[in-house]
């Protein structure tokens, strides 16, 4: 062991870091799945709310336009009819009055009948006035109904604004979740760097061990060669001595 740490300890540390990394990856995957589900739900709710809002605004605009157009048309027709009838009655009254003035002396017998006719015309005018007042009252009631509908639409608009505020809060929560995911990613990156440094340290230890073993082998080979050379020299010297003694 070198640097106060054995290879088994290094392997244990690496295995522990791998387990921690797997846990972090599983937690990150769970967070991503939850976040994707929440985002999809919020997008669906937002689409539904926007569609409902568009339909409500379109129906409200069309209803108000139709009611307003109908009311204006009815008022215009009533005014035209009333003005025409008043003009006709006024013309008729003027004509009768002129005839009365012209024929006063000649038609004293018909004065009573003309008075009756005048009273009848006055009653008809009163009836027309009352009918006109009734029509005005009916239009006023329609206007009140439209006001009530507008108030209801205002209430609905406030509800929609409240809903959109909730949507904004949900968006804020989504941003917080994204910040959490970013922090988890940073932790994952730190874990990867730590694992990389551990792998590099393990490679250094392994290379040092292999280099020492190779050096020991070379050293042993050199020792063996030196021993072989020493034995050969001794054998040669002994043979030369033997030859000299024979001579």
C-alpha atoms as a PDB file:
ATOM      1  CA  UNK A   1       0.000   0.000   0.000  1.00  0.00           C
ATOM      2  CA  UNK A   2       1.217   3.476  -0.812  1.00  0.00           C
ATOM      3  CA  UNK A   3       0.091   6.921   0.453  1.00  0.00           C
ATOM      4  CA  UNK A   4      -1.586   5.241   3.400  1.00  0.00           C
ATOM      5  CA  UNK A   5      -4.356   3.697   1.235  1.00  0.00           C
ATOM      6  CA  UNK A   6      -4.710   0.202  -0.215  1.00  0.00           C
ATOM      7  CA  UNK A   7      -6.261  -0.641  -3.556  1.00  0.00           C
ATOM      8  CA  UNK A   8      -9.158  -2.352  -1.756  1.00  0.00           C
ATOM      9  CA  UNK A   9      -9.889   0.900   0.107  1.00  0.00           C
ATOM     10  CA  UNK A  10      -9.814   2.826  -3.158  1.00  0.00           C
ATOM     11  CA  UNK A  11     -12.165   0.319  -4.758  1.00  0.00           C
ATOM     12  CA  UNK A  12     -14.476   0.584  -1.764  1.00  0.00           C
ATOM     13  CA  UNK A  13     -14.508   4.376  -2.043  1.00  0.00           C
ATOM     14  CA  UNK A  14     -15.186   4.174  -5.776  1.00  0.00           C
ATOM     15  CA  UNK A  15     -18.016   1.684  -5.267  1.00  0.00           C
ATOM     16  CA  UNK A  16     -19.515   3.890  -2.551  1.00  0.00           C
ATOM     17  CA  UNK A  17     -19.286   6.937  -4.822  1.00  0.00           C
ATOM     18  CA  UNK A  18     -20.897   4.958  -7.665  1.00  0.00           C
ATOM     19  CA  UNK A  19     -23.773   3.961  -5.351  1.00  0.00           C
ATOM     20  CA  UNK A  20     -24.209   7.596  -4.289  1.00  0.00           C
ATOM     21  CA  UNK A  21     -24.141   8.632  -7.941  1.00  0.00           C
ATOM     22  CA  UNK A  22     -26.800   6.064  -8.820  1.00  0.00           C
ATOM     23  CA  UNK A  23     -28.974   7.312  -5.946  1.00  0.00           C
ATOM     24  CA  UNK A  24     -28.566  10.876  -7.151  1.00  0.00           C
ATOM     25  CA  UNK A  25     -29.416   9.805 -10.716  1.00  0.00           C
ATOM     26  CA  UNK A  26     -32.561   7.971  -9.514  1.00  0.00           C
ATOM     27  CA  UNK A  27     -33.605  11.007  -7.471  1.00  0.00           C
ATOM     28  CA  UNK A  28     -32.932  13.270 -10.443  1.00  0.00           C
ATOM     29  CA  UNK A  29     -35.035  11.046 -12.718  1.00  0.00           C
ATOM     30  CA  UNK A  30     -37.911  11.109 -10.206  1.00  0.00           C
ATOM     31  CA  UNK A  31     -37.711  14.886  -9.960  1.00  0.00           C
ATOM     32  CA  UNK A  32     -37.664  15.169 -13.742  1.00  0.00           C
ATOM     33  CA  UNK A  33     -40.706  12.910 -14.119  1.00  0.00           C
ATOM     34  CA  UNK A  34     -42.652  14.853 -11.456  1.00  0.00           C
ATOM     35  CA  UNK A  35     -41.669  18.146 -13.026  1.00  0.00           C
ATOM     36  CA  UNK A  36     -42.674  16.988 -16.535  1.00  0.00           C
ATOM     37  CA  UNK A  37     -46.027  15.747 -15.210  1.00  0.00           C
ATOM     38  CA  UNK A  38     -46.706  19.050 -13.455  1.00  0.00           C
ATOM     39  CA  UNK A  39     -45.682  21.050 -16.512  1.00  0.00           C
ATOM     40  CA  UNK A  40     -47.979  18.978 -18.746  1.00  0.00           C
ATOM     41  CA  UNK A  41     -50.880  19.387 -16.319  1.00  0.00           C
ATOM     42  CA  UNK A  42     -50.362  23.150 -16.094  1.00  0.00           C
ATOM     43  CA  UNK A  43     -50.134  23.438 -19.868  1.00  0.00           C
ATOM     44  CA  UNK A  44     -53.386  21.457 -20.247  1.00  0.00           C
ATOM     45  CA  UNK A  45     -55.178  23.624 -17.659  1.00  0.00           C
ATOM     46  CA  UNK A  46     -53.872  26.778 -19.291  1.00  0.00           C
ATOM     47  CA  UNK A  47     -55.092  25.657 -22.737  1.00  0.00           C
ATOM     48  CA  UNK A  48     -58.547  24.787 -21.390  1.00  0.00           C
ATOM     49  CA  UNK A  49     -58.851  28.093 -19.528  1.00  0.00           C
ATOM     50  CA  UNK A  50     -57.744  30.107 -22.550  1.00  0.00           C
ATOM     51  CA  UNK A  51     -60.218  28.247 -24.772  1.00  0.00           C
ATOM     52  CA  UNK A  52     -63.046  28.883 -22.287  1.00  0.00           C
ATOM     53  CA  UNK A  53     -62.078  32.526 -22.025  1.00  0.00           C
ATOM     54  CA  UNK A  54     -62.057  32.923 -25.811  1.00  0.00           C
ATOM     55  CA  UNK A  55     -65.455  31.241 -26.114  1.00  0.00           C
ATOM     56  CA  UNK A  56     -66.931  33.371 -23.339  1.00  0.00           C
ATOM     57  CA  UNK A  57     -65.569  36.580 -24.810  1.00  0.00           C
ATOM     58  CA  UNK A  58     -66.797  35.662 -28.277  1.00  0.00           C
ATOM     59  CA  UNK A  59     -70.291  34.689 -27.034  1.00  0.00           C
ATOM     60  CA  UNK A  60     -70.490  37.793 -24.845  1.00  0.00           C
ATOM     61  CA  UNK A  61     -69.448  40.088 -27.676  1.00  0.00           C
ATOM     62  CA  UNK A  62     -71.883  38.518 -30.130  1.00  0.00           C
ATOM     63  CA  UNK A  63     -74.735  38.574 -27.585  1.00  0.00           C
ATOM     64  CA  UNK A  64     -74.126  42.193 -26.651  1.00  0.00           C
ATOM     65  CA  UNK A  65     -73.853  43.212 -30.292  1.00  0.00           C
ATOM     66  CA  UNK A  66     -77.082  41.414 -31.212  1.00  0.00           C
ATOM     67  CA  UNK A  67     -78.993  42.752 -28.207  1.00  0.00           C
ATOM     68  CA  UNK A  68     -77.729  46.281 -28.752  1.00  0.00           C
ATOM     69  CA  UNK A  69     -78.500  46.137 -32.459  1.00  0.00           C
ATOM     70  CA  UNK A  70     -81.993  44.759 -31.774  1.00  0.00           C
ATOM     71  CA  UNK A  71     -82.667  47.411 -29.124  1.00  0.00           C
ATOM     72  CA  UNK A  72     -81.437  50.205 -31.369  1.00  0.00           C
ATOM     73  CA  UNK A  73     -83.462  48.879 -34.280  1.00  0.00           C
ATOM     74  CA  UNK A  74     -86.614  48.612 -32.138  1.00  0.00           C
ATOM     75  CA  UNK A  75     -86.120  52.117 -30.729  1.00  0.00           C
ATOM     76  CA  UNK A  76     -85.541  53.495 -34.212  1.00  0.00           C
ATOM     77  CA  UNK A  77     -88.641  51.801 -35.559  1.00  0.00           C
ATOM     78  CA  UNK A  78     -90.745  52.981 -32.633  1.00  0.00           C
ATOM     79  CA  UNK A  79     -89.480  56.528 -33.012  1.00  0.00           C
ATOM     80  CA  UNK A  80     -90.135  56.495 -36.732  1.00  0.00           C
ATOM     81  CA  UNK A  81     -93.642  55.135 -36.247  1.00  0.00           C
ATOM     82  CA  UNK A  82     -94.373  57.602 -33.492  1.00  0.00           C
ATOM     83  CA  UNK A  83     -93.018  60.535 -35.471  1.00  0.00           C
ATOM     84  CA  UNK A  84     -94.971  59.476 -38.543  1.00  0.00           C
ATOM     85  CA  UNK A  85     -98.165  59.054 -36.579  1.00  0.00           C
ATOM     86  CA  UNK A  86     -97.647  62.323 -34.744  1.00  0.00           C
ATOM     87  CA  UNK A  87     -96.941  64.093 -38.009  1.00  0.00           C
ATOM     88  CA  UNK A  88    -100.003  62.545 -39.624  1.00  0.00           C
ATOM     89  CA  UNK A  89    -102.185  63.396 -36.650  1.00  0.00           C
ATOM     90  CA  UNK A  90    -100.787  66.909 -36.513  1.00  0.00           C
ATOM     91  CA  UNK A  91    -101.445  67.388 -40.202  1.00  0.00           C
ATOM     92  CA  UNK A  92    -104.895  65.968 -39.840  1.00  0.00           C
ATOM     93  CA  UNK A  93    -105.598  68.143 -36.844  1.00  0.00           C
ATOM     94  CA  UNK A  94    -104.408  71.229 -38.667  1.00  0.00           C
ATOM     95  CA  UNK A  95    -106.490  70.299 -41.647  1.00  0.00           C
ATOM     96  CA  UNK A  96    -109.554  69.766 -39.520  1.00  0.00           C
ATOM     97  CA  UNK A  97    -108.923  72.976 -37.674  1.00  0.00           C
ATOM     98  CA  UNK A  98    -108.582  74.821 -40.957  1.00  0.00           C
ATOM     99  CA  UNK A  99    -111.745  73.234 -42.234  1.00  0.00           C
ATOM    100  CA  UNK A 100    -113.512  74.194 -39.041  1.00  0.00           C
ATOM    101  CA  UNK A 101    -112.421  77.785 -39.431  1.00  0.00           C
ATOM    102  CA  UNK A 102    -113.422  77.871 -43.046  1.00  0.00           C
ATOM    103  CA  UNK A 103    -116.711  76.121 -42.572  1.00  0.00           C
ATOM    104  CA  UNK A 104    -117.610  77.451 -39.141  1.00  0.00           C
ATOM    105  CA  UNK A 105    -120.385  79.558 -40.379  1.00  0.00           C
ATOM    106  CA  UNK A 106    -121.672  77.004 -42.833  1.00  0.00           C
ATOM    107  CA  UNK A 107    -121.322  73.903 -40.694  1.00  0.00           C
ATOM    108  CA  UNK A 108    -122.524  74.892 -37.271  1.00  0.00           C
ATOM    109  CA  UNK A 109    -124.634  71.728 -37.244  1.00  0.00           C
ATOM    110  CA  UNK A 110    -121.533  69.607 -37.677  1.00  0.00           C
ATOM    111  CA  UNK A 111    -119.631  71.296 -34.842  1.00  0.00           C
ATOM    112  CA  UNK A 112    -120.626  68.600 -32.346  1.00  0.00           C
ATOM    113  CA  UNK A 113    -119.538  65.787 -34.657  1.00  0.00           C
ATOM    114  CA  UNK A 114    -116.249  67.526 -35.268  1.00  0.00           C
ATOM    115  CA  UNK A 115    -115.729  67.867 -31.516  1.00  0.00           C
ATOM    116  CA  UNK A 116    -116.406  64.160 -31.119  1.00  0.00           C
ATOM    117  CA  UNK A 117    -113.901  63.444 -33.826  1.00  0.00           C
ATOM    118  CA  UNK A 118    -111.369  65.664 -32.110  1.00  0.00           C
ATOM    119  CA  UNK A 119    -111.943  63.866 -28.809  1.00  0.00           C
ATOM    120  CA  UNK A 120    -111.568  60.523 -30.533  1.00  0.00           C
ATOM    121  CA  UNK A 121    -108.315  61.620 -32.094  1.00  0.00           C
ATOM    122  CA  UNK A 122    -107.111  62.830 -28.696  1.00  0.00           C
ATOM    123  CA  UNK A 123    -107.920  59.437 -27.189  1.00  0.00           C
ATOM    124  CA  UNK A 124    -106.016  57.730 -29.957  1.00  0.00           C
ATOM    125  CA  UNK A 125    -103.054  60.013 -29.317  1.00  0.00           C
ATOM    126  CA  UNK A 126    -103.198  59.146 -25.613  1.00  0.00           C
ATOM    127  CA  UNK A 127    -103.341  55.478 -26.488  1.00  0.00           C
ATOM    128  CA  UNK A 128    -100.358  55.835 -28.759  1.00  0.00           C
ATOM    129  CA  UNK A 129     -98.487  57.685 -26.037  1.00  0.00           C
ATOM    130  CA  UNK A 130     -99.293  54.977 -23.524  1.00  0.00           C
ATOM    131  CA  UNK A 131     -98.197  52.307 -25.988  1.00  0.00           C
ATOM    132  CA  UNK A 132     -95.000  54.207 -26.539  1.00  0.00           C
ATOM    133  CA  UNK A 133     -94.425  54.430 -22.771  1.00  0.00           C
ATOM    134  CA  UNK A 134     -95.042  50.673 -22.484  1.00  0.00           C
ATOM    135  CA  UNK A 135     -92.528  50.059 -25.242  1.00  0.00           C
ATOM    136  CA  UNK A 136     -90.009  52.269 -23.491  1.00  0.00           C
ATOM    137  CA  UNK A 137     -90.579  50.358 -20.249  1.00  0.00           C
ATOM    138  CA  UNK A 138     -90.015  47.045 -22.047  1.00  0.00           C
ATOM    139  CA  UNK A 139     -86.807  48.358 -23.562  1.00  0.00           C
ATOM    140  CA  UNK A 140     -85.733  49.640 -20.152  1.00  0.00           C
ATOM    141  CA  UNK A 141     -86.300  46.162 -18.700  1.00  0.00           C
ATOM    142  CA  UNK A 142     -84.208  44.684 -21.510  1.00  0.00           C
ATOM    143  CA  UNK A 143     -81.469  47.193 -20.751  1.00  0.00           C
ATOM    144  CA  UNK A 144     -81.574  46.196 -17.069  1.00  0.00           C
ATOM    145  CA  UNK A 145     -81.294  42.559 -18.092  1.00  0.00           C
ATOM    146  CA  UNK A 146     -78.264  43.419 -20.205  1.00  0.00           C
ATOM    147  CA  UNK A 147     -76.736  45.291 -17.271  1.00  0.00           C
ATOM    148  CA  UNK A 148     -77.286  42.234 -15.086  1.00  0.00           C
ATOM    149  CA  UNK A 149     -75.628  40.059 -17.738  1.00  0.00           C
ATOM    150  CA  UNK A 150     -72.691  42.481 -17.824  1.00  0.00           C
ATOM    151  CA  UNK A 151     -72.376  42.277 -14.038  1.00  0.00           C
ATOM    152  CA  UNK A 152     -72.364  38.482 -14.247  1.00  0.00           C
ATOM    153  CA  UNK A 153     -69.699  38.655 -16.924  1.00  0.00           C
ATOM    154  CA  UNK A 154     -67.663  40.972 -14.695  1.00  0.00           C
ATOM    155  CA  UNK A 155     -67.922  38.430 -11.885  1.00  0.00           C
ATOM    156  CA  UNK A 156     -66.779  35.717 -14.264  1.00  0.00           C
ATOM    157  CA  UNK A 157     -63.900  37.913 -15.396  1.00  0.00           C
ATOM    158  CA  UNK A 158     -62.800  38.354 -11.779  1.00  0.00           C
ATOM    159  CA  UNK A 159     -62.916  34.590 -11.318  1.00  0.00           C
ATOM    160  CA  UNK A 160     -60.776  34.153 -14.424  1.00  0.00           C
ATOM    161  CA  UNK A 161     -58.297  36.750 -13.133  1.00  0.00           C
ATOM    162  CA  UNK A 162     -58.092  34.816  -9.865  1.00  0.00           C
ATOM    163  CA  UNK A 163     -57.472  31.633 -11.830  1.00  0.00           C
ATOM    164  CA  UNK A 164     -54.739  33.311 -13.852  1.00  0.00           C
ATOM    165  CA  UNK A 165     -53.116  34.475 -10.616  1.00  0.00           C
ATOM    166  CA  UNK A 166     -53.070  30.848  -9.531  1.00  0.00           C
ATOM    167  CA  UNK A 167     -51.497  29.962 -12.865  1.00  0.00           C
ATOM    168  CA  UNK A 168     -48.817  32.598 -12.216  1.00  0.00           C
ATOM    169  CA  UNK A 169     -48.146  31.085  -8.807  1.00  0.00           C
ATOM    170  CA  UNK A 170     -47.838  27.681 -10.431  1.00  0.00           C
ATOM    171  CA  UNK A 171     -45.342  29.138 -12.912  1.00  0.00           C
ATOM    172  CA  UNK A 172     -43.335  30.479  -9.966  1.00  0.00           C
ATOM    173  CA  UNK A 173     -43.370  27.010  -8.436  1.00  0.00           C
ATOM    174  CA  UNK A 174     -42.159  25.621 -11.763  1.00  0.00           C
ATOM    175  CA  UNK A 175     -39.260  28.048 -11.764  1.00  0.00           C
ATOM    176  CA  UNK A 176     -38.341  26.938  -8.230  1.00  0.00           C
ATOM    177  CA  UNK A 177     -38.425  23.316  -9.363  1.00  0.00           C
ATOM    178  CA  UNK A 178     -36.135  24.205 -12.270  1.00  0.00           C
ATOM    179  CA  UNK A 179     -33.727  25.842  -9.810  1.00  0.00           C
ATOM    180  CA  UNK A 180     -33.762  22.647  -7.722  1.00  0.00           C
ATOM    181  CA  UNK A 181     -33.040  20.589 -10.830  1.00  0.00           C
ATOM    182  CA  UNK A 182     -30.150  22.897 -11.683  1.00  0.00           C
ATOM    183  CA  UNK A 183     -28.680  22.385  -8.213  1.00  0.00           C
ATOM    184  CA  UNK A 184     -29.071  18.625  -8.561  1.00  0.00           C
ATOM    185  CA  UNK A 185     -27.297  18.807 -11.929  1.00  0.00           C
ATOM    186  CA  UNK A 186     -24.454  20.767 -10.290  1.00  0.00           C
ATOM    187  CA  UNK A 187     -24.182  18.115  -7.579  1.00  0.00           C
ATOM    188  CA  UNK A 188     -24.147  15.440 -10.273  1.00  0.00           C
ATOM    189  CA  UNK A 189     -21.334  17.265 -12.060  1.00  0.00           C
ATOM    190  CA  UNK A 190     -19.383  17.535  -8.792  1.00  0.00           C
ATOM    191  CA  UNK A 191     -19.874  13.795  -8.196  1.00  0.00           C
ATOM    192  CA  UNK A 192     -18.671  13.048 -11.744  1.00  0.00           C
ATOM    193  CA  UNK A 193     -15.558  15.157 -11.197  1.00  0.00           C
ATOM    194  CA  UNK A 194     -14.901  13.421  -7.887  1.00  0.00           C
ATOM    195  CA  UNK A 195     -15.255  10.028  -9.589  1.00  0.00           C
ATOM    196  CA  UNK A 196     -12.885  11.169 -12.345  1.00  0.00           C
ATOM    197  CA  UNK A 197     -10.268  12.279  -9.809  1.00  0.00           C
ATOM    198  CA  UNK A 198     -10.635   8.959  -7.974  1.00  0.00           C
ATOM    199  CA  UNK A 199     -10.174   7.036 -11.231  1.00  0.00           C
ATOM    200  CA  UNK A 200      -7.066   9.067 -12.046  1.00  0.00           C
ATOM    201  CA  UNK A 201      -5.636   8.346  -8.574  1.00  0.00           C
ATOM    202  CA  UNK A 202      -6.387   4.639  -9.026  1.00  0.00           C
ATOM    203  CA  UNK A 203      -4.680   4.658 -12.427  1.00  0.00           C
ATOM    204  CA  UNK A 204      -1.607   6.320 -10.878  1.00  0.00           C
ATOM    205  CA  UNK A 205      -1.456   3.667  -8.162  1.00  0.00           C
ATOM    206  CA  UNK A 206      -1.848   0.866 -10.692  1.00  0.00           C
ATOM    207  CA  UNK A 207       0.834   2.308 -13.016  1.00  0.00           C
ATOM    208  CA  UNK A 208       3.195   2.727 -10.062  1.00  0.00           C
ATOM    209  CA  UNK A 209       2.640  -0.872  -9.048  1.00  0.00           C
ATOM    210  CA  UNK A 210       3.181  -2.170 -12.600  1.00  0.00           C
ATOM    211  CA  UNK A 211       6.321  -0.016 -12.963  1.00  0.00           C
ATOM    212  CA  UNK A 212       7.749  -1.327  -9.664  1.00  0.00           C
ATOM    213  CA  UNK A 213       7.045  -4.928 -10.688  1.00  0.00           C
ATOM    214  CA  UNK A 214       8.709  -4.343 -14.062  1.00  0.00           C
ATOM    215  CA  UNK A 215      11.685  -2.703 -12.358  1.00  0.00           C
ATOM    216  CA  UNK A 216      12.008  -5.648  -9.936  1.00  0.00           C
ATOM    217  CA  UNK A 217      11.947  -8.084 -12.865  1.00  0.00           C
ATOM    218  CA  UNK A 218      14.669  -6.157 -14.690  1.00  0.00           C
ATOM    219  CA  UNK A 219      16.726  -5.978 -11.511  1.00  0.00           C
ATOM    220  CA  UNK A 220      16.440  -9.742 -10.951  1.00  0.00           C
ATOM    221  CA  UNK A 221      17.437 -10.422 -14.590  1.00  0.00           C
ATOM    222  CA  UNK A 222      20.508  -8.209 -14.253  1.00  0.00           C
ATOM    223  CA  UNK A 223      21.548 -10.036 -11.065  1.00  0.00           C
ATOM    224  CA  UNK A 224      21.167 -13.405 -12.780  1.00  0.00           C
ATOM    225  CA  UNK A 225      23.300 -12.265 -15.724  1.00  0.00           C
ATOM    226  CA  UNK A 226      26.050 -11.031 -13.399  1.00  0.00           C
ATOM    227  CA  UNK A 227      26.082 -14.374 -11.556  1.00  0.00           C
ATOM    228  CA  UNK A 228      26.307 -16.274 -14.871  1.00  0.00           C
ATOM    229  CA  UNK A 229      29.265 -14.176 -16.027  1.00  0.00           C
ATOM    230  CA  UNK A 230      31.133 -14.809 -12.718  1.00  0.00           C
ATOM    231  CA  UNK A 231      30.750 -18.597 -12.995  1.00  0.00           C
ATOM    232  CA  UNK A 232      32.000 -18.593 -16.622  1.00  0.00           C
ATOM    233  CA  UNK A 233      35.188 -16.694 -15.691  1.00  0.00           C
ATOM    234  CA  UNK A 234      35.934 -19.106 -12.847  1.00  0.00           C
ATOM    235  CA  UNK A 235      35.534 -22.128 -15.171  1.00  0.00           C
ATOM    236  CA  UNK A 236      37.886 -20.601 -17.738  1.00  0.00           C
ATOM    237  CA  UNK A 237      40.583 -19.891 -15.111  1.00  0.00           C
ATOM    238  CA  UNK A 238      40.382 -23.445 -13.750  1.00  0.00           C
ATOM    239  CA  UNK A 239      40.758 -24.947 -17.276  1.00  0.00           C
ATOM    240  CA  UNK A 240      43.802 -22.796 -18.013  1.00  0.00           C
ATOM    241  CA  UNK A 241      45.462 -23.905 -14.759  1.00  0.00           C
ATOM    242  CA  UNK A 242      44.797 -27.552 -15.596  1.00  0.00           C
ATOM    243  CA  UNK A 243      46.438 -27.193 -19.017  1.00  0.00           C
ATOM    244  CA  UNK A 244      49.537 -25.585 -17.482  1.00  0.00           C
ATOM    245  CA  UNK A 245      49.923 -28.406 -14.971  1.00  0.00           C
ATOM    246  CA  UNK A 246      49.730 -31.039 -17.758  1.00  0.00           C
ATOM    247  CA  UNK A 247      52.448 -29.317 -19.660  1.00  0.00           C
END
